[in-house]
C-alpha cells in the first residue's frame, strides 16, 4: 500500500511539474497601456518618471491648432510654463518648467475636467518614459503627438496616498473615488516611431504600438522601426473630482480623454536618463505642419 501511494504521488508531482513547465513557456500578451503596472515596460524594464505640477489653463493647442488663439477647447497644461498656441520645439527650450527634472522643458496637456458641470483644476501629472537600454531612442526636441480616446490608450482610476492607481478597462467608465482616494486619468502613447516624422496629419500615425510578450523585448514593425519610450501620463485631481457619471471633459464625454506631448528635453538629457545611444543615424525630417526644423539624431 505504501508503495502504491508513493507511485501515485510521484506520477502526480511529475505531471504537475510538466504542466508548470508548459505554462511557463507560453508567452503572455502584454497590454499596451500596462495600466496597473509599476512603471516598468514588459520585457524591457526600467525607464524614468518625472512629476510635473499644474502650470496653467488655456484655450490653446500648439499641435492641433498652432497659431490660433481661443479656437481650441480648454486645456490644462503641465511642464513648460510658456506653452501657448505659438509654441515650437525651439521656443520650449528657452522656457521654464514645473517638472522636478529641470532638464525636461516639454509641454504636456489634457482637456479640462468638469465634475457635475464645475471645472476642477488638476493637482499635477506624473509622466513615465518606459524603456531602458541602448536600443531605446530619445525623442528629438520638437517631437509631438496626441493619444487617447480609445480603451487601449485611455483609462480612469482611483489612487489612495502612497499607492499606485488601479485603472479600469474602458475610457468611458469613470469610477467613484471616495475617502482619501483621488481620481486619476491615464493616457498611453505607442513606443514605435517611423524614425522621420516629428508629427503626422492625425498627430499619432507616426507612432504605433510594439508587439509585446512577457519576458521578451518589444518588437517594432518594419514601417515604424525605431523604439522610443512608451510615454504614460497620469493626471491626478483633488477631492472635488469625485468621479462617476458626473465627470465630463472640455472635449466632450469622459470617453474623449486624451493627452498631447510636445517634447523638449535639453541636450541629450533624455537619452542620458534612458541609457545608451539609441538608434544611431536616424534622420528626423519635418512633420505634418512643416514648420519644425530638421533634427539629425545622434
Protein backbone atom coordinates (compact mmCIF):
# COMPACT_ATOMS: atom_id res chain seq x y z
CA UNK A 1 0.00 0.00 0.00
CA UNK A 2 2.82 2.39 0.88
CA UNK A 3 4.48 1.53 -2.41
CA UNK A 4 1.29 2.28 -4.35
CA UNK A 5 0.78 5.64 -2.59
CA UNK A 6 4.37 6.65 -3.37
CA UNK A 7 3.95 5.67 -7.00
CA UNK A 8 0.77 7.72 -7.36
CA UNK A 9 2.39 10.68 -5.62
CA UNK A 10 5.42 10.50 -7.91
CA UNK A 11 3.21 10.50 -11.03
CA UNK A 12 1.16 13.43 -9.68
CA UNK A 13 4.26 15.51 -8.93
CA UNK A 14 5.76 14.71 -12.34
CA UNK A 15 2.56 15.78 -14.10
CA UNK A 16 2.39 18.95 -12.03
CA UNK A 17 5.98 19.93 -12.83
CA UNK A 18 5.45 19.16 -16.51
CA UNK A 19 2.31 21.28 -16.54
CA UNK A 20 4.14 24.15 -14.86
CA UNK A 21 6.95 23.91 -17.41
CA UNK A 22 4.47 24.02 -20.28
CA UNK A 23 2.67 27.03 -18.79
CA UNK A 24 5.95 28.87 -18.20
CA UNK A 25 6.90 28.56 -21.87
CA UNK A 26 3.69 30.14 -23.15
CA UNK A 27 4.17 33.90 -23.74
CA UNK A 28 1.59 36.17 -22.13
CA UNK A 29 0.45 39.04 -24.34
CA UNK A 30 1.11 42.35 -22.59
CA UNK A 31 -1.42 45.14 -22.55
CA UNK A 32 -0.27 48.26 -24.45
CA UNK A 33 -1.10 50.54 -21.54
CA UNK A 34 0.40 48.34 -18.79
CA UNK A 35 -2.27 50.14 -16.77
CA UNK A 36 -1.79 48.74 -13.31
CA UNK A 37 1.94 48.05 -13.54
CA UNK A 38 4.77 49.50 -11.54
CA UNK A 39 6.20 51.80 -14.18
CA UNK A 40 8.26 49.12 -15.92
CA UNK A 41 7.89 48.16 -19.55
CA UNK A 42 7.10 44.50 -20.03
CA UNK A 43 10.14 42.68 -21.38
CA UNK A 44 12.39 45.73 -21.34
CA UNK A 45 12.41 47.02 -17.76
CA UNK A 46 13.36 50.34 -16.34
CA UNK A 47 12.59 53.79 -17.60
CA UNK A 48 12.12 57.04 -15.76
CA UNK A 49 9.39 59.24 -14.38
CA UNK A 50 9.01 62.98 -13.90
CA UNK A 51 6.47 64.75 -11.73
CA UNK A 52 5.11 67.97 -13.18
CA UNK A 53 2.92 70.43 -11.34
CA UNK A 54 -0.11 72.09 -12.92
CA UNK A 55 1.05 75.16 -14.84
CA UNK A 56 -1.91 76.93 -16.44
CA UNK A 57 -5.18 76.56 -18.33
CA UNK A 58 -5.72 77.98 -21.80
CA UNK A 59 -7.87 77.52 -24.90
CA UNK A 60 -4.74 76.88 -26.94
CA UNK A 61 -3.28 73.88 -28.74
CA UNK A 62 0.08 74.34 -30.49
CA UNK A 63 -0.17 70.88 -32.06
CA UNK A 64 -3.72 70.69 -33.43
CA UNK A 65 -4.36 74.44 -33.89
CA UNK A 66 -0.97 76.17 -34.00
CA UNK A 67 -1.13 79.95 -34.18
CA UNK A 68 -4.86 80.16 -33.45
CA UNK A 69 -5.98 81.90 -30.26
CA UNK A 70 -9.08 80.64 -28.44
CA UNK A 71 -10.09 78.13 -31.12
CA UNK A 72 -9.36 75.03 -29.04
CA UNK A 73 -11.32 73.59 -26.15
CA UNK A 74 -9.89 74.43 -22.73
CA UNK A 75 -6.70 72.57 -21.83
CA UNK A 76 -4.80 72.05 -18.57
CA UNK A 77 -1.03 72.37 -19.09
CA UNK A 78 1.84 70.76 -17.18
CA UNK A 79 5.58 71.16 -17.52
CA UNK A 80 6.65 74.08 -19.67
CA UNK A 81 5.15 77.30 -18.32
CA UNK A 82 5.38 79.18 -21.63
CA UNK A 83 3.19 76.83 -23.68
CA UNK A 84 0.70 78.62 -25.89
CA UNK A 85 -0.69 78.46 -29.43
CA UNK A 86 2.63 79.66 -30.88
CA UNK A 87 4.93 77.21 -29.10
CA UNK A 88 7.61 75.34 -31.07
CA UNK A 89 10.32 72.95 -30.03
CA UNK A 90 12.82 75.81 -30.11
CA UNK A 91 10.67 78.15 -28.01
CA UNK A 92 10.01 75.48 -25.37
CA UNK A 93 13.75 75.01 -24.91
CA UNK A 94 14.02 78.65 -23.80
CA UNK A 95 11.20 78.34 -21.26
CA UNK A 96 10.89 77.11 -17.68
CA UNK A 97 9.15 74.08 -16.21
CA UNK A 98 7.05 72.81 -13.31
CA UNK A 99 8.66 69.36 -13.61
CA UNK A 100 11.01 68.07 -10.94
CA UNK A 101 13.67 67.35 -13.57
CA UNK A 102 14.52 70.85 -14.76
CA UNK A 103 16.03 69.46 -17.95
CA UNK A 104 12.55 68.44 -19.06
CA UNK A 105 11.13 71.51 -20.77
CA UNK A 106 8.47 69.51 -22.58
CA UNK A 107 4.81 70.52 -22.60
CA UNK A 108 2.07 68.09 -21.60
CA UNK A 109 -1.66 68.83 -21.64
CA UNK A 110 -5.12 67.30 -21.30
CA UNK A 111 -8.66 68.66 -21.76
CA UNK A 112 -10.13 70.44 -18.74
CA UNK A 113 -12.21 68.26 -16.41
CA UNK A 114 -15.65 69.11 -15.02
CA UNK A 115 -17.38 67.47 -12.07
CA UNK A 116 -21.14 67.95 -12.31
CA UNK A 117 -20.55 70.97 -14.56
CA UNK A 118 -17.92 72.65 -12.37
CA UNK A 119 -14.31 72.78 -13.59
CA UNK A 120 -11.81 71.08 -11.28
CA UNK A 121 -8.16 72.01 -11.82
CA UNK A 122 -5.72 69.08 -11.60
CA UNK A 123 -3.11 68.64 -8.88
CA UNK A 124 -0.34 67.58 -11.22
CA UNK A 125 0.88 64.93 -13.63
CA UNK A 126 3.29 62.04 -13.42
CA UNK A 127 4.90 61.27 -16.77
CA UNK A 128 6.57 57.90 -17.22
CA UNK A 129 9.03 57.24 -20.04
CA UNK A 130 9.10 53.43 -20.10
CA UNK A 131 12.02 51.56 -21.61
CA UNK A 132 15.75 51.49 -20.95
CA UNK A 133 18.76 50.38 -22.92
CA UNK A 134 20.86 51.18 -25.96
CA UNK A 135 18.06 50.49 -28.43
CA UNK A 136 15.57 52.94 -26.91
CA UNK A 137 15.86 56.27 -28.73
CA UNK A 138 15.05 59.57 -27.05
CA UNK A 139 12.56 61.91 -28.70
CA UNK A 140 14.14 64.86 -30.51
CA UNK A 141 13.12 68.35 -29.41
CA UNK A 142 10.00 69.35 -31.32
CA UNK A 143 8.51 65.85 -31.41
CA UNK A 144 4.75 65.94 -30.85
CA UNK A 145 1.86 63.51 -30.61
CA UNK A 146 -1.73 63.18 -29.41
CA UNK A 147 -3.03 59.93 -27.93
CA UNK A 148 -6.20 58.70 -26.24
CA UNK A 149 -9.94 58.45 -26.98
CA UNK A 150 -9.78 54.62 -27.08
CA UNK A 151 -9.94 51.88 -24.46
CA UNK A 152 -6.42 50.89 -25.47
CA UNK A 153 -4.92 54.29 -24.74
CA UNK A 154 -7.11 56.00 -22.11
CA UNK A 155 -8.37 54.93 -18.70
CA UNK A 156 -9.72 56.26 -15.41
CA UNK A 157 -8.88 55.09 -11.92
CA UNK A 158 -8.61 55.93 -8.22
CA UNK A 159 -5.49 56.14 -6.07
CA UNK A 160 -5.04 56.39 -2.33
CA UNK A 161 -1.98 58.24 -0.97
CA UNK A 162 1.17 56.18 -1.31
CA UNK A 163 -0.46 53.59 -3.57
CA UNK A 164 -0.37 53.01 -7.31
CA UNK A 165 -3.67 53.81 -9.06
CA UNK A 166 -5.97 50.98 -10.13
CA UNK A 167 -7.44 51.60 -13.57
CA UNK A 168 -10.47 50.30 -15.38
CA UNK A 169 -10.58 48.91 -18.91
CA UNK A 170 -12.95 51.40 -20.53
CA UNK A 171 -12.27 55.05 -21.34
CA UNK A 172 -15.99 55.71 -20.89
CA UNK A 173 -16.16 54.31 -17.35
CA UNK A 174 -15.14 56.69 -14.55
CA UNK A 175 -15.03 55.15 -11.06
CA UNK A 176 -16.34 56.91 -7.96
CA UNK A 177 -13.36 57.81 -5.75
CA UNK A 178 -14.26 58.06 -2.08
CA UNK A 179 -12.47 58.94 1.13
CA UNK A 180 -8.82 59.87 0.67
CA UNK A 181 -8.62 58.42 -2.84
CA UNK A 182 -8.02 60.70 -5.82
CA UNK A 183 -9.37 60.49 -9.35
CA UNK A 184 -6.60 59.72 -11.86
CA UNK A 185 -6.69 59.90 -15.66
CA UNK A 186 -4.17 57.81 -17.60
CA UNK A 187 -3.16 58.20 -21.24
CA UNK A 188 -0.67 55.92 -23.01
CA UNK A 189 1.38 56.65 -26.14
CA UNK A 190 2.78 53.97 -28.50
CA UNK A 191 6.52 53.28 -28.50
CA UNK A 192 7.38 52.54 -32.15
CA UNK A 193 8.26 55.55 -34.32
CA UNK A 194 8.64 55.84 -38.08
CA UNK A 195 12.03 57.45 -37.43
CA UNK A 196 11.49 60.54 -39.60
CA UNK A 197 8.37 62.49 -38.64
CA UNK A 198 8.13 64.98 -35.80
CA UNK A 199 4.35 64.92 -36.34
CA UNK A 200 1.75 63.41 -38.66
CA UNK A 201 -1.54 64.58 -40.16
CA UNK A 202 -3.61 62.99 -37.39
CA UNK A 203 -0.85 63.53 -34.80
CA UNK A 204 -0.49 59.83 -33.95
CA UNK A 205 0.14 57.70 -37.08
CA UNK A 206 3.90 58.31 -36.84
CA UNK A 207 3.68 56.12 -33.70
CA UNK A 208 2.34 52.57 -33.34
CA UNK A 209 2.39 50.03 -30.52
CA UNK A 210 5.04 47.33 -30.41
CA UNK A 211 4.25 43.64 -30.18
CA UNK A 212 4.96 42.73 -26.55
CA UNK A 213 5.17 39.41 -24.75
CA UNK A 214 6.05 38.88 -21.11
CA UNK A 215 9.76 38.29 -20.62
CA UNK A 216 10.63 39.45 -24.14
CA UNK A 217 11.74 42.75 -25.62
CA UNK A 218 9.13 44.79 -27.53
CA UNK A 219 9.22 44.28 -31.30
CA UNK A 220 8.53 47.24 -33.60
CA UNK A 221 7.17 46.74 -37.14
CA UNK A 222 9.28 47.43 -40.22
CA UNK A 223 7.41 50.63 -41.09
CA UNK A 224 7.92 52.03 -37.56
CA UNK A 225 11.31 50.53 -36.73
CA UNK A 226 12.63 52.92 -34.08
CA UNK A 227 11.77 52.13 -30.47
CA UNK A 228 11.16 55.26 -28.40
CA UNK A 229 9.98 55.43 -24.79
CA UNK A 230 6.38 54.45 -24.15
CA UNK A 231 5.01 57.62 -22.56
CA UNK A 232 2.33 57.11 -19.91
CA UNK A 233 0.76 60.24 -18.40
CA UNK A 234 -1.18 60.06 -15.15
CA UNK A 235 -3.08 63.19 -14.13
CA UNK A 236 -4.32 63.45 -10.53
CA UNK A 237 -7.27 65.53 -9.41
CA UNK A 238 -8.19 66.85 -5.94
CA UNK A 239 -11.07 65.59 -3.80
CA UNK A 240 -13.57 67.87 -5.55
CA UNK A 241 -13.35 65.49 -8.52
CA UNK A 242 -15.22 62.52 -7.10
CA UNK A 243 -15.62 60.76 -10.44
CA UNK A 244 -18.57 58.72 -11.61
CA UNK A 245 -21.14 59.74 -14.20
CA UNK A 246 -20.73 63.43 -13.30
CA UNK A 247 -17.32 63.66 -15.00
CA UNK A 248 -17.14 65.38 -18.38
CA UNK A 249 -14.30 66.98 -20.30
CA UNK A 250 -13.89 70.15 -22.33
CA UNK A 251 -13.60 67.81 -25.32
CA UNK A 252 -16.89 66.06 -24.51
CA UNK A 253 -17.74 62.87 -22.63
CA UNK A 254 -15.25 61.08 -20.38
CA UNK A 255 -14.52 58.70 -23.27
CA UNK A 256 -12.84 61.58 -25.17
CA UNK A 257 -9.93 61.56 -22.69
CA UNK A 258 -6.66 62.28 -24.49
CA UNK A 259 -3.32 63.98 -23.98
CA UNK A 260 -0.76 65.89 -26.02
CA UNK A 261 3.02 65.75 -25.69
CA UNK A 262 5.43 68.32 -27.14
CA UNK A 263 8.93 67.10 -26.38
CA UNK A 264 11.74 69.46 -25.36
CA UNK A 265 14.44 67.90 -23.19
CA UNK A 266 17.69 69.86 -23.06
CA UNK A 267 20.62 68.44 -25.00
CA UNK A 268 21.00 64.68 -24.57
CA UNK A 269 19.42 64.64 -21.10
CA UNK A 270 16.55 62.31 -22.02
CA UNK A 271 18.86 59.83 -23.76
CA UNK A 272 21.26 60.04 -20.81
CA UNK A 273 18.47 59.14 -18.39
CA UNK A 274 17.24 56.33 -20.61
CA UNK A 275 20.76 54.97 -21.05
CA UNK A 276 22.58 54.02 -24.23
CA UNK A 277 22.72 55.90 -27.52
CA UNK A 278 19.50 54.71 -29.15
CA UNK A 279 19.26 54.11 -32.87
CA UNK A 280 22.22 55.87 -34.47
CA UNK A 281 21.98 57.56 -37.83
CA UNK A 282 18.24 58.16 -37.93
CA UNK A 283 17.37 61.42 -39.67
CA UNK A 284 14.35 63.35 -38.44
CA UNK A 285 12.58 65.47 -41.02
CA UNK A 286 9.70 67.92 -40.94
CA UNK A 287 6.34 66.95 -39.50
CA UNK A 288 2.89 67.48 -40.94
CA UNK A 289 2.99 71.16 -40.03
CA UNK A 290 6.21 71.67 -41.98
CA UNK A 291 7.31 74.34 -39.51
CA UNK A 292 9.72 72.40 -37.31
CA UNK A 293 13.45 72.44 -38.07
CA UNK A 294 15.03 69.19 -39.19
CA UNK A 295 16.97 67.38 -36.48
CA UNK A 296 19.67 64.79 -37.01
CA UNK A 297 19.63 62.13 -34.28
CA UNK A 298 22.88 61.22 -32.54
